[in-house]
Each structure stands twice: as structure tokens, then as C-alpha cells.
Amino acid sequence: MKGMRVNTYNVQKFRSEETEIEEVGCFVHLGSVVSGSGGTEEDVASRIKKANGVFVQLYPVWRDLNISKQVKIRILNPNVKSVLLYDCETWKTTNQITRGL
């Protein structure tokens, strides 16, 4: 078992009956990174990396001269943007995050 505290000064160890629970600084839940600081920077960075990975997988499409620009944009939106912006409504919006996107 693992546990995490968010924005707290409590340093008492987690315990379940007689078992001590390992404390972690961040974890991934449903594809989103949850950090102990309560911020969203780690989650946004993770999303950018995942979207970049999808973009790289589609390099053959981007390089194909027989596919029109319109079709490439229609491929980009559901495949890359959806990965990038998944769960973005839960992000704390800051200027730094907005610039990064």
C-alpha cells in the first residue's frame, strides 16, 4: 500500500492496522499525474510528452505529400490534441502552463 499527503504539515506515519504504509510524492491515477504539492505542472508536462509521442507516431502521415493539409489537420485534432488536453478542465491555470501548451 502507498499513501500521499497534499499540502499538509502532518508528518505522522500512515498506518493500516499494524502495517506501515509507504508514503509517495506523486502517482498516476487514470492517466493523470497527482503530486504532493497539489500543483498541475507535472501532469501538464506528462500530457505534453504523451501528445508528442502520438505526434511522432504520425510522422508518416505528416510527411506524405499525397495527403492534403486539411486531412492532416483532421487527423491531428482527435489524435494529438485529445491526448494533450485530456482532463485539462481540472488543471490549475497559470501563465506558465498556458505558455507551455
PDB file of N, CA and C in Angstrom:
ATOM      1  N   MET A   1       0.826  -1.181   0.000  1.00  0.00           N
ATOM      2  CA  MET A   1       0.000   0.000   0.000  1.00  0.00           C
ATOM      3  C   MET A   1       0.874   1.249   0.000  1.00  0.00           C
ATOM      4  N   LYS A   2       0.338   2.283  -0.625  1.00  0.00           N
ATOM      5  CA  LYS A   2       1.049   3.549  -0.676  1.00  0.00           C
ATOM      6  C   LYS A   2       0.076   4.673  -0.346  1.00  0.00           C
ATOM      7  N   GLY A   3       0.603   5.762   0.198  1.00  0.00           N
ATOM      8  CA  GLY A   3      -0.222   6.915   0.544  1.00  0.00           C
ATOM      9  C   GLY A   3       0.496   8.201   0.200  1.00  0.00           C
ATOM     10  N   MET A   4      -0.264   9.284   0.105  1.00  0.00           N
ATOM     11  CA  MET A   4       0.330  10.576  -0.213  1.00  0.00           C
ATOM     12  C   MET A   4      -0.453  11.669   0.499  1.00  0.00           C
ATOM     13  N   ARG A   5       0.269  12.679   0.940  1.00  0.00           N
ATOM     14  CA  ARG A   5      -0.346  13.854   1.555  1.00  0.00           C
ATOM     15  C   ARG A   5      -0.227  15.019   0.588  1.00  0.00           C
ATOM     16  N   VAL A   6      -1.268  15.839   0.558  1.00  0.00           N
ATOM     17  CA  VAL A   6      -1.265  17.007  -0.314  1.00  0.00           C
ATOM     18  C   VAL A   6      -1.407  18.254   0.538  1.00  0.00           C
ATOM     19  N   ASN A   7      -0.420  19.143   0.429  1.00  0.00           N
ATOM     20  CA  ASN A   7      -0.436  20.435   1.126  1.00  0.00           C
ATOM     21  C   ASN A   7      -0.756  20.310   2.617  1.00  0.00           C
ATOM     22  N   THR A   8       0.005  19.513   3.318  1.00  0.00           N
ATOM     23  CA  THR A   8      -0.201  19.358   4.754  1.00  0.00           C
ATOM     24  C   THR A   8       1.144  19.327   5.471  1.00  0.00           C
ATOM     25  N   TYR A   9       1.124  19.698   6.730  1.00  0.00           N
ATOM     26  CA  TYR A   9       2.337  19.685   7.536  1.00  0.00           C
ATOM     27  C   TYR A   9       2.370  18.489   8.474  1.00  0.00           C
ATOM     28  N   ASN A  10       1.353  17.642   8.428  1.00  0.00           N
ATOM     29  CA  ASN A  10       1.283  16.452   9.261  1.00  0.00           C
ATOM     30  C   ASN A  10       2.376  15.476   8.832  1.00  0.00           C
ATOM     31  N   VAL A  11       3.217  15.081   9.770  1.00  0.00           N
ATOM     32  CA  VAL A  11       4.320  14.176   9.450  1.00  0.00           C
ATOM     33  C   VAL A  11       4.147  12.797  10.094  1.00  0.00           C
ATOM     34  N   GLN A  12       3.012  12.574  10.716  1.00  0.00           N
ATOM     35  CA  GLN A  12       2.755  11.281  11.335  1.00  0.00           C
ATOM     36  C   GLN A  12       2.663  10.208  10.254  1.00  0.00           C
ATOM     37  N   LYS A  13       3.286   9.051  10.505  1.00  0.00           N
ATOM     38  CA  LYS A  13       3.315   7.962   9.530  1.00  0.00           C
ATOM     39  C   LYS A  13       1.918   7.394   9.295  1.00  0.00           C
ATOM     40  N   PHE A  14       1.668   6.994   8.033  1.00  0.00           N
ATOM     41  CA  PHE A  14       0.434   6.291   7.700  1.00  0.00           C
ATOM     42  C   PHE A  14       0.530   4.879   8.254  1.00  0.00           C
ATOM     43  N   ARG A  15      -0.577   4.372   8.807  1.00  0.00           N
ATOM     44  CA  ARG A  15      -0.601   3.008   9.309  1.00  0.00           C
ATOM     45  C   ARG A  15      -1.953   2.384   8.991  1.00  0.00           C
ATOM     46  N   SER A  16      -1.921   1.098   8.687  1.00  0.00           N
ATOM     47  CA  SER A  16      -3.133   0.321   8.490  1.00  0.00           C
ATOM     48  C   SER A  16      -3.003  -0.891   9.393  1.00  0.00           C
ATOM     49  N   GLU A  17      -3.780  -0.897  10.450  1.00  0.00           N
ATOM     50  CA  GLU A  17      -3.650  -1.896  11.499  1.00  0.00           C
ATOM     51  C   GLU A  17      -2.212  -1.857  12.010  1.00  0.00           C
ATOM     52  N   GLU A  18      -1.410  -2.869  11.756  1.00  0.00           N
ATOM     53  CA  GLU A  18      -0.033  -2.895  12.229  1.00  0.00           C
ATOM     54  C   GLU A  18       0.976  -2.670  11.100  1.00  0.00           C
ATOM     55  N   THR A  19       0.485  -2.399   9.885  1.00  0.00           N
ATOM     56  CA  THR A  19       1.366  -2.240   8.731  1.00  0.00           C
ATOM     57  C   THR A  19       1.608  -0.765   8.451  1.00  0.00           C
ATOM     58  N   GLU A  20       2.873  -0.417   8.288  1.00  0.00           N
ATOM     59  CA  GLU A  20       3.207   0.958   7.926  1.00  0.00           C
ATOM     60  C   GLU A  20       3.042   1.112   6.413  1.00  0.00           C
ATOM     61  N   ILE A  21       2.410   2.206   5.994  1.00  0.00           N
ATOM     62  CA  ILE A  21       2.137   2.443   4.591  1.00  0.00           C
ATOM     63  C   ILE A  21       3.214   3.352   4.014  1.00  0.00           C
ATOM     64  N   GLU A  22       3.750   2.962   2.864  1.00  0.00           N
ATOM     65  CA  GLU A  22       4.794   3.747   2.202  1.00  0.00           C
ATOM     66  C   GLU A  22       4.207   5.073   1.710  1.00  0.00           C
ATOM     67  N   GLU A  23       4.936   6.155   1.963  1.00  0.00           N
ATOM     68  CA  GLU A  23       4.491   7.469   1.519  1.00  0.00           C
ATOM     69  C   GLU A  23       5.199   7.831   0.213  1.00  0.00           C
ATOM     70  N   VAL A  24       4.435   8.309  -0.780  1.00  0.00           N
ATOM     71  CA  VAL A  24       4.988   8.672  -2.081  1.00  0.00           C
ATOM     72  C   VAL A  24       4.757  10.154  -2.354  1.00  0.00           C
ATOM     73  N   GLY A  25       5.564  10.729  -3.226  1.00  0.00           N
ATOM     74  CA  GLY A  25       5.466  12.147  -3.562  1.00  0.00           C
ATOM     75  C   GLY A  25       4.509  12.420  -4.703  1.00  0.00           C
ATOM     76  N   CYS A  26       4.323  11.421  -5.592  1.00  0.00           N
ATOM     77  CA  CYS A  26       3.362  11.569  -6.689  1.00  0.00           C
ATOM     78  C   CYS A  26       2.989  10.177  -7.190  1.00  0.00           C
ATOM     79  N   PHE A  27       1.875  10.113  -7.926  1.00  0.00           N
ATOM     80  CA  PHE A  27       1.447   8.857  -8.536  1.00  0.00           C
ATOM     81  C   PHE A  27       0.573   9.170  -9.740  1.00  0.00           C
ATOM     82  N   VAL A  28       0.325   8.159 -10.551  1.00  0.00           N
ATOM     83  CA  VAL A  28      -0.515   8.319 -11.735  1.00  0.00           C
ATOM     84  C   VAL A  28      -1.854   7.658 -11.458  1.00  0.00           C
ATOM     85  N   HIS A  29      -2.935   8.409 -11.687  1.00  0.00           N
ATOM     86  CA  HIS A  29      -4.287   7.900 -11.489  1.00  0.00           C
ATOM     87  C   HIS A  29      -5.102   8.237 -12.730  1.00  0.00           C
ATOM     88  N   LEU A  30      -5.617   7.218 -13.411  1.00  0.00           N
ATOM     89  CA  LEU A  30      -6.391   7.386 -14.635  1.00  0.00           C
ATOM     90  C   LEU A  30      -5.657   8.243 -15.667  1.00  0.00           C
ATOM     91  N   GLY A  31      -4.343   8.050 -15.750  1.00  0.00           N
ATOM     92  CA  GLY A  31      -3.540   8.752 -16.740  1.00  0.00           C
ATOM     93  C   GLY A  31      -3.080  10.134 -16.339  1.00  0.00           C
ATOM     94  N   SER A  32      -3.534  10.636 -15.197  1.00  0.00           N
ATOM     95  CA  SER A  32      -3.137  11.966 -14.738  1.00  0.00           C
ATOM     96  C   SER A  32      -2.151  11.837 -13.587  1.00  0.00           C
ATOM     97  N   VAL A  33      -1.167  12.728 -13.565  1.00  0.00           N
ATOM     98  CA  VAL A  33      -0.159  12.722 -12.504  1.00  0.00           C
ATOM     99  C   VAL A  33      -0.686  13.549 -11.336  1.00  0.00           C
ATOM    100  N   VAL A  34      -0.735  12.937 -10.161  1.00  0.00           N
ATOM    101  CA  VAL A  34      -1.157  13.618  -8.940  1.00  0.00           C
ATOM    102  C   VAL A  34       0.094  13.792  -8.092  1.00  0.00           C
ATOM    103  N   SER A  35       0.396  15.048  -7.708  1.00  0.00           N
ATOM    104  CA  SER A  35       1.616  15.298  -6.948  1.00  0.00           C
ATOM    105  C   SER A  35       1.285  15.800  -5.545  1.00  0.00           C
ATOM    106  N   GLY A  36       2.226  15.622  -4.662  1.00  0.00           N
ATOM    107  CA  GLY A  36       2.052  16.038  -3.281  1.00  0.00           C
ATOM    108  C   GLY A  36       1.967  17.537  -3.107  1.00  0.00           C
ATOM    109  N   SER A  37       2.512  18.292  -4.062  1.00  0.00           N
ATOM    110  CA  SER A  37       2.451  19.752  -3.970  1.00  0.00           C
ATOM    111  C   SER A  37       1.070  20.281  -4.313  1.00  0.00           C
ATOM    112  N   GLY A  38       0.243  19.443  -4.924  1.00  0.00           N
ATOM    113  CA  GLY A  38      -1.099  19.862  -5.305  1.00  0.00           C
ATOM    114  C   GLY A  38      -1.131  20.625  -6.608  1.00  0.00           C
ATOM    115  N   GLY A  39       0.021  20.798  -7.241  1.00  0.00           N
ATOM    116  CA  GLY A  39       0.102  21.538  -8.497  1.00  0.00           C
ATOM    117  C   GLY A  39      -0.197  20.666  -9.699  1.00  0.00           C
ATOM    118  N   THR A  40      -0.274  21.297 -10.853  1.00  0.00           N
ATOM    119  CA  THR A  40      -0.574  20.566 -12.072  1.00  0.00           C
ATOM    120  C   THR A  40       0.592  20.543 -13.052  1.00  0.00           C
ATOM    121  N   GLU A  41       1.718  21.122 -12.674  1.00  0.00           N
ATOM    122  CA  GLU A  41       2.850  21.207 -13.590  1.00  0.00           C
ATOM    123  C   GLU A  41       3.311  19.832 -14.058  1.00  0.00           C
ATOM    124  N   GLU A  42       3.381  18.863 -13.151  1.00  0.00           N
ATOM    125  CA  GLU A  42       3.819  17.521 -13.513  1.00  0.00           C
ATOM    126  C   GLU A  42       2.841  16.864 -14.469  1.00  0.00           C
ATOM    127  N   ASP A  43       1.548  17.066 -14.230  1.00  0.00           N
ATOM    128  CA  ASP A  43       0.527  16.480 -15.094  1.00  0.00           C
ATOM    129  C   ASP A  43       0.589  17.091 -16.490  1.00  0.00           C
ATOM    130  N   VAL A  44       0.752  18.406 -16.574  1.00  0.00           N
ATOM    131  CA  VAL A  44       0.834  19.067 -17.869  1.00  0.00           C
ATOM    132  C   VAL A  44       2.074  18.598 -18.628  1.00  0.00           C
ATOM    133  N   ALA A  45       3.209  18.503 -17.941  1.00  0.00           N
ATOM    134  CA  ALA A  45       4.441  18.028 -18.591  1.00  0.00           C
ATOM    135  C   ALA A  45       4.258  16.603 -19.110  1.00  0.00           C
ATOM    136  N   SER A  46       3.590  15.766 -18.339  1.00  0.00           N
ATOM    137  CA  SER A  46       3.322  14.397 -18.753  1.00  0.00           C
ATOM    138  C   SER A  46       2.419  14.366 -19.980  1.00  0.00           C
ATOM    139  N   ARG A  47       1.401  15.199 -20.004  1.00  0.00           N
ATOM    140  CA  ARG A  47       0.483  15.274 -21.150  1.00  0.00           C
ATOM    141  C   ARG A  47       1.204  15.737 -22.406  1.00  0.00           C
ATOM    142  N   ILE A  48       2.088  16.724 -22.266  1.00  0.00           N
ATOM    143  CA  ILE A  48       2.846  17.210 -23.424  1.00  0.00           C
ATOM    144  C   ILE A  48       3.720  16.092 -23.986  1.00  0.00           C
ATOM    145  N   LYS A  49       4.364  15.317 -23.115  1.00  0.00           N
ATOM    146  CA  LYS A  49       5.200  14.196 -23.565  1.00  0.00           C
ATOM    147  C   LYS A  49       4.367  13.138 -24.274  1.00  0.00           C
ATOM    148  N   LYS A  50       3.186  12.830 -23.725  1.00  0.00           N
ATOM    149  CA  LYS A  50       2.318  11.822 -24.348  1.00  0.00           C
ATOM    150  C   LYS A  50       1.826  12.289 -25.716  1.00  0.00           C
ATOM    151  N   ALA A  51       1.420  13.560 -25.811  1.00  0.00           N
ATOM    152  CA  ALA A  51       0.955  14.102 -27.093  1.00  0.00           C
ATOM    153  C   ALA A  51       2.085  14.120 -28.106  1.00  0.00           C
ATOM    154  N   ASN A  52       3.300  14.445 -27.664  1.00  0.00           N
ATOM    155  CA  ASN A  52       4.452  14.428 -28.559  1.00  0.00           C
ATOM    156  C   ASN A  52       4.702  13.020 -29.083  1.00  0.00           C
ATOM    157  N   GLY A  53       4.526  12.028 -28.215  1.00  0.00           N
ATOM    158  CA  GLY A  53       4.695  10.639 -28.644  1.00  0.00           C
ATOM    159  C   GLY A  53       3.707  10.254 -29.724  1.00  0.00           C
ATOM    160  N   VAL A  54       2.463  10.681 -29.594  1.00  0.00           N
ATOM    161  CA  VAL A  54       1.446  10.408 -30.619  1.00  0.00           C
ATOM    162  C   VAL A  54       1.812  11.138 -31.910  1.00  0.00           C
ATOM    163  N   PHE A  55       2.254  12.392 -31.785  1.00  0.00           N
ATOM    164  CA  PHE A  55       2.644  13.181 -32.954  1.00  0.00           C
ATOM    165  C   PHE A  55       3.776  12.491 -33.717  1.00  0.00           C
ATOM    166  N   VAL A  56       4.753  11.973 -32.985  1.00  0.00           N
ATOM    167  CA  VAL A  56       5.891  11.284 -33.608  1.00  0.00           C
ATOM    168  C   VAL A  56       5.419  10.014 -34.314  1.00  0.00           C
ATOM    169  N   GLN A  57       4.475   9.295 -33.727  1.00  0.00           N
ATOM    170  CA  GLN A  57       3.952   8.078 -34.364  1.00  0.00           C
ATOM    171  C   GLN A  57       3.275   8.396 -35.693  1.00  0.00           C
ATOM    172  N   LEU A  58       2.777   9.604 -35.826  1.00  0.00           N
ATOM    173  CA  LEU A  58       2.082  10.000 -37.049  1.00  0.00           C
ATOM    174  C   LEU A  58       3.007  10.662 -38.071  1.00  0.00           C
ATOM    175  N   TYR A  59       4.326  10.621 -37.872  1.00  0.00           N
ATOM    176  CA  TYR A  59       5.267  11.207 -38.828  1.00  0.00           C
ATOM    177  C   TYR A  59       5.037  10.735 -40.266  1.00  0.00           C
ATOM    178  N   PRO A  60       4.755   9.450 -40.500  1.00  0.00           N
ATOM    179  CA  PRO A  60       4.497   9.034 -41.891  1.00  0.00           C
ATOM    180  C   PRO A  60       3.335   9.804 -42.535  1.00  0.00           C
ATOM    181  N   VAL A  61       2.340  10.124 -41.745  1.00  0.00           N
ATOM    182  CA  VAL A  61       1.205  10.901 -42.262  1.00  0.00           C
ATOM    183  C   VAL A  61       1.651  12.321 -42.567  1.00  0.00           C
ATOM    184  N   TRP A  62       2.393  12.935 -41.643  1.00  0.00           N
ATOM    185  CA  TRP A  62       2.817  14.327 -41.837  1.00  0.00           C
ATOM    186  C   TRP A  62       3.723  14.467 -43.060  1.00  0.00           C
ATOM    187  N   ARG A  63       4.536  13.459 -43.337  1.00  0.00           N
ATOM    188  CA  ARG A  63       5.484  13.517 -44.455  1.00  0.00           C
ATOM    189  C   ARG A  63       4.871  13.143 -45.803  1.00  0.00           C
ATOM    190  N   ASP A  64       3.721  12.514 -45.783  1.00  0.00           N
ATOM    191  CA  ASP A  64       3.097  12.052 -47.023  1.00  0.00           C
ATOM    192  C   ASP A  64       2.564  13.243 -47.824  1.00  0.00           C
ATOM    193  N   LEU A  65       3.107  13.455 -48.999  1.00  0.00           N
ATOM    194  CA  LEU A  65       2.705  14.584 -49.846  1.00  0.00           C
ATOM    195  C   LEU A  65       1.361  14.354 -50.537  1.00  0.00           C
ATOM    196  N   ASN A  66       0.877  13.111 -50.517  1.00  0.00           N
ATOM    197  CA  ASN A  66      -0.409  12.799 -51.146  1.00  0.00           C
ATOM    198  C   ASN A  66      -1.601  13.079 -50.233  1.00  0.00           C
ATOM    199  N   ILE A  67      -1.329  13.392 -48.975  1.00  0.00           N
ATOM    200  CA  ILE A  67      -2.402  13.705 -48.020  1.00  0.00           C
ATOM    201  C   ILE A  67      -2.492  15.218 -47.895  1.00  0.00           C
ATOM    202  N   SER A  68      -3.693  15.745 -48.068  1.00  0.00           N
ATOM    203  CA  SER A  68      -3.870  17.202 -48.036  1.00  0.00           C
ATOM    204  C   SER A  68      -3.702  17.747 -46.618  1.00  0.00           C
ATOM    205  N   LYS A  69      -3.432  19.039 -46.543  1.00  0.00           N
ATOM    206  CA  LYS A  69      -3.266  19.719 -45.257  1.00  0.00           C
ATOM    207  C   LYS A  69      -4.545  19.617 -44.430  1.00  0.00           C
ATOM    208  N   GLN A  70      -5.691  19.730 -45.092  1.00  0.00           N
ATOM    209  CA  GLN A  70      -6.985  19.623 -44.397  1.00  0.00           C
ATOM    210  C   GLN A  70      -7.142  18.271 -43.717  1.00  0.00           C
ATOM    211  N   VAL A  71      -6.785  17.224 -44.414  1.00  0.00           N
ATOM    212  CA  VAL A  71      -6.903  15.874 -43.859  1.00  0.00           C
ATOM    213  C   VAL A  71      -5.930  15.699 -42.692  1.00  0.00           C
ATOM    214  N   LYS A  72      -4.739  16.246 -42.833  1.00  0.00           N
ATOM    215  CA  LYS A  72      -3.751  16.146 -41.753  1.00  0.00           C
ATOM    216  C   LYS A  72      -4.251  16.852 -40.491  1.00  0.00           C
ATOM    217  N   ILE A  73      -4.909  17.980 -40.655  1.00  0.00           N
ATOM    218  CA  ILE A  73      -5.476  18.696 -39.502  1.00  0.00           C
ATOM    219  C   ILE A  73      -6.608  17.880 -38.886  1.00  0.00           C
ATOM    220  N   ARG A  74      -7.400  17.228 -39.730  1.00  0.00           N
ATOM    221  CA  ARG A  74      -8.486  16.378 -39.226  1.00  0.00           C
ATOM    222  C   ARG A  74      -7.941  15.164 -38.479  1.00  0.00           C
ATOM    223  N   ILE A  75      -6.742  14.742 -38.804  1.00  0.00           N
ATOM    224  CA  ILE A  75      -6.086  13.643 -38.087  1.00  0.00           C
ATOM    225  C   ILE A  75      -5.473  14.160 -36.787  1.00  0.00           C
ATOM    226  N   LEU A  76      -4.890  15.360 -36.838  1.00  0.00           N
ATOM    227  CA  LEU A  76      -4.222  15.951 -35.673  1.00  0.00           C
ATOM    228  C   LEU A  76      -5.189  16.176 -34.513  1.00  0.00           C
ATOM    229  N   ASN A  77      -6.325  16.779 -34.788  1.00  0.00           N
ATOM    230  CA  ASN A  77      -7.244  17.171 -33.718  1.00  0.00           C
ATOM    231  C   ASN A  77      -7.695  16.016 -32.828  1.00  0.00           C
ATOM    232  N   PRO A  78      -8.243  14.938 -33.354  1.00  0.00           N
ATOM    233  CA  PRO A  78      -8.707  13.879 -32.439  1.00  0.00           C
ATOM    234  C   PRO A  78      -7.593  13.021 -31.867  1.00  0.00           C
ATOM    235  N   ASN A  79      -6.458  12.948 -32.574  1.00  0.00           N
ATOM    236  CA  ASN A  79      -5.400  12.045 -32.118  1.00  0.00           C
ATOM    237  C   ASN A  79      -4.379  12.696 -31.207  1.00  0.00           C
ATOM    238  N   VAL A  80      -3.957  13.901 -31.524  1.00  0.00           N
ATOM    239  CA  VAL A  80      -2.912  14.550 -30.735  1.00  0.00           C
ATOM    240  C   VAL A  80      -3.523  15.496 -29.703  1.00  0.00           C
ATOM    241  N   LYS A  81      -4.422  16.354 -30.129  1.00  0.00           N
ATOM    242  CA  LYS A  81      -4.997  17.327 -29.198  1.00  0.00           C
ATOM    243  C   LYS A  81      -5.798  16.661 -28.085  1.00  0.00           C
ATOM    244  N   SER A  82      -6.478  15.575 -28.399  1.00  0.00           N
ATOM    245  CA  SER A  82      -7.251  14.906 -27.348  1.00  0.00           C
ATOM    246  C   SER A  82      -6.346  14.319 -26.273  1.00  0.00           C
ATOM    247  N   VAL A  83      -5.182  13.806 -26.665  1.00  0.00           N
ATOM    248  CA  VAL A  83      -4.217  13.286 -25.688  1.00  0.00           C
ATOM    249  C   VAL A  83      -3.662  14.432 -24.852  1.00  0.00           C
ATOM    250  N   LEU A  84      -3.330  15.538 -25.504  1.00  0.00           N
ATOM    251  CA  LEU A  84      -2.768  16.696 -24.811  1.00  0.00           C
ATOM    252  C   LEU A  84      -3.754  17.286 -23.811  1.00  0.00           C
ATOM    253  N   LEU A  85      -4.999  17.429 -24.202  1.00  0.00           N
ATOM    254  CA  LEU A  85      -5.962  18.172 -23.386  1.00  0.00           C
ATOM    255  C   LEU A  85      -6.860  17.295 -22.522  1.00  0.00           C
ATOM    256  N   TYR A  86      -6.615  15.989 -22.480  1.00  0.00           N
ATOM    257  CA  TYR A  86      -7.427  15.103 -21.649  1.00  0.00           C
ATOM    258  C   TYR A  86      -7.396  15.572 -20.197  1.00  0.00           C
ATOM    259  N   ASP A  87      -8.528  15.749 -19.593  1.00  0.00           N
ATOM    260  CA  ASP A  87      -8.676  16.119 -18.183  1.00  0.00           C
ATOM    261  C   ASP A  87      -8.145  17.524 -17.873  1.00  0.00           C
ATOM    262  N   CYS A  88      -8.010  18.359 -18.907  1.00  0.00           N
ATOM    263  CA  CYS A  88      -7.439  19.696 -18.694  1.00  0.00           C
ATOM    264  C   CYS A  88      -8.364  20.598 -17.880  1.00  0.00           C
ATOM    265  N   GLU A  89      -9.636  20.255 -17.792  1.00  0.00           N
ATOM    266  CA  GLU A  89     -10.550  21.094 -17.010  1.00  0.00           C
ATOM    267  C   GLU A  89     -10.251  21.047 -15.516  1.00  0.00           C
ATOM    268  N   THR A  90      -9.423  20.101 -15.100  1.00  0.00           N
ATOM    269  CA  THR A  90      -9.057  20.019 -13.682  1.00  0.00           C
ATOM    270  C   THR A  90      -7.737  20.714 -13.385  1.00  0.00           C
ATOM    271  N   TRP A  91      -7.059  21.210 -14.413  1.00  0.00           N
ATOM    272  CA  TRP A  91      -5.767  21.861 -14.208  1.00  0.00           C
ATOM    273  C   TRP A  91      -5.930  23.241 -13.604  1.00  0.00           C
ATOM    274  N   LYS A  92      -5.016  23.585 -12.729  1.00  0.00           N
ATOM    275  CA  LYS A  92      -4.931  24.954 -12.217  1.00  0.00           C
ATOM    276  C   LYS A  92      -4.263  25.771 -13.322  1.00  0.00           C
ATOM    277  N   THR A  93      -4.943  26.808 -13.810  1.00  0.00           N
ATOM    278  CA  THR A  93      -4.430  27.577 -14.938  1.00  0.00           C
ATOM    279  C   THR A  93      -3.476  28.661 -14.460  1.00  0.00           C
ATOM    280  N   THR A  94      -2.262  28.626 -14.980  1.00  0.00           N
ATOM    281  CA  THR A  94      -1.272  29.658 -14.700  1.00  0.00           C
ATOM    282  C   THR A  94      -0.699  30.132 -16.037  1.00  0.00           C
ATOM    283  N   ASN A  95      -0.050  31.281 -16.039  1.00  0.00           N
ATOM    284  CA  ASN A  95       0.569  31.785 -17.263  1.00  0.00           C
ATOM    285  C   ASN A  95       1.630  30.826 -17.779  1.00  0.00           C
ATOM    286  N   GLN A  96       2.396  30.231 -16.875  1.00  0.00           N
ATOM    287  CA  GLN A  96       3.450  29.301 -17.258  1.00  0.00           C
ATOM    288  C   GLN A  96       2.871  28.067 -17.968  1.00  0.00           C
ATOM    289  N   ILE A  97       1.796  27.519 -17.438  1.00  0.00           N
ATOM    290  CA  ILE A  97       1.166  26.359 -18.051  1.00  0.00           C
ATOM    291  C   ILE A  97       0.578  26.729 -19.405  1.00  0.00           C
ATOM    292  N   THR A  98      -0.071  27.860 -19.488  1.00  0.00           N
ATOM    293  CA  THR A  98      -0.666  28.307 -20.743  1.00  0.00           C
ATOM    294  C   THR A  98       0.398  28.489 -21.809  1.00  0.00           C
ATOM    295  N   ARG A  99       1.537  29.079 -21.470  1.00  0.00           N
ATOM    296  CA  ARG A  99       2.635  29.264 -22.424  1.00  0.00           C
ATOM    297  C   ARG A  99       3.194  27.919 -22.858  1.00  0.00           C
ATOM    298  N   GLY A 100       3.275  26.961 -21.942  1.00  0.00           N
ATOM    299  CA  GLY A 100       3.815  25.642 -22.253  1.00  0.00           C
ATOM    300  C   GLY A 100       2.958  24.879 -23.246  1.00  0.00           C
ATOM    301  N   LEU A 101       1.667  25.114 -23.183  1.00  0.00           N
ATOM    302  CA  LEU A 101       0.770  24.417 -24.108  1.00  0.00           C
ATOM    303  C   LEU A 101       0.819  25.061 -25.476  1.00  0.00           C
TER     304      LEU A 101
END
